[in-house]
Amino acid sequence: MAYTQIKTPNLNIIYEGGQCLKAVRDCFSIPWQPGFESAIKDWSSGVQIKALPPKGVNVPVYFTLSNVAAGHVAISLPDGRVASSTMPGFHKPMYIHSSLADLIRVYTNKPNGTCIYQGFST
């Protein structure tokens, strides 16, 4: 299936580590909505595509973390890299991982526990 980018994210935002859903929403200029307080709640209530993210477009990608009930969300970029709120504290712009595998490796090596890719959303 081919995807068309409707809204391009602005990765040049100030993010706070640990606030991944807010960071992704800020990148896509999506206002905060009650009931979507965590990445897992956002994933559970949206369009779930349980496949690797498509190349050529920016899409939110979701992960479970064995020690963090909220999970994690980041943005898969057109070239396969991933923008994430990885670093603790406040930063600008978004942290860029070289791939999904790199994000999973980094998050698994933190106190988050095991990081498992769930899929992407449109």
Foldseek 3Di string as FASTA:
>chain_A
DDDDEDFAFDQFDKDAQPQWVVNVCNRRVNDDDPQLRALVSVCVPADFDQDADAAPYKWKWWKAFPQDRRGHIWIQYNVAKIFTSHDHGIDTGTDIHPHPVRVQVSCCPDVSHHIGTGGTGD
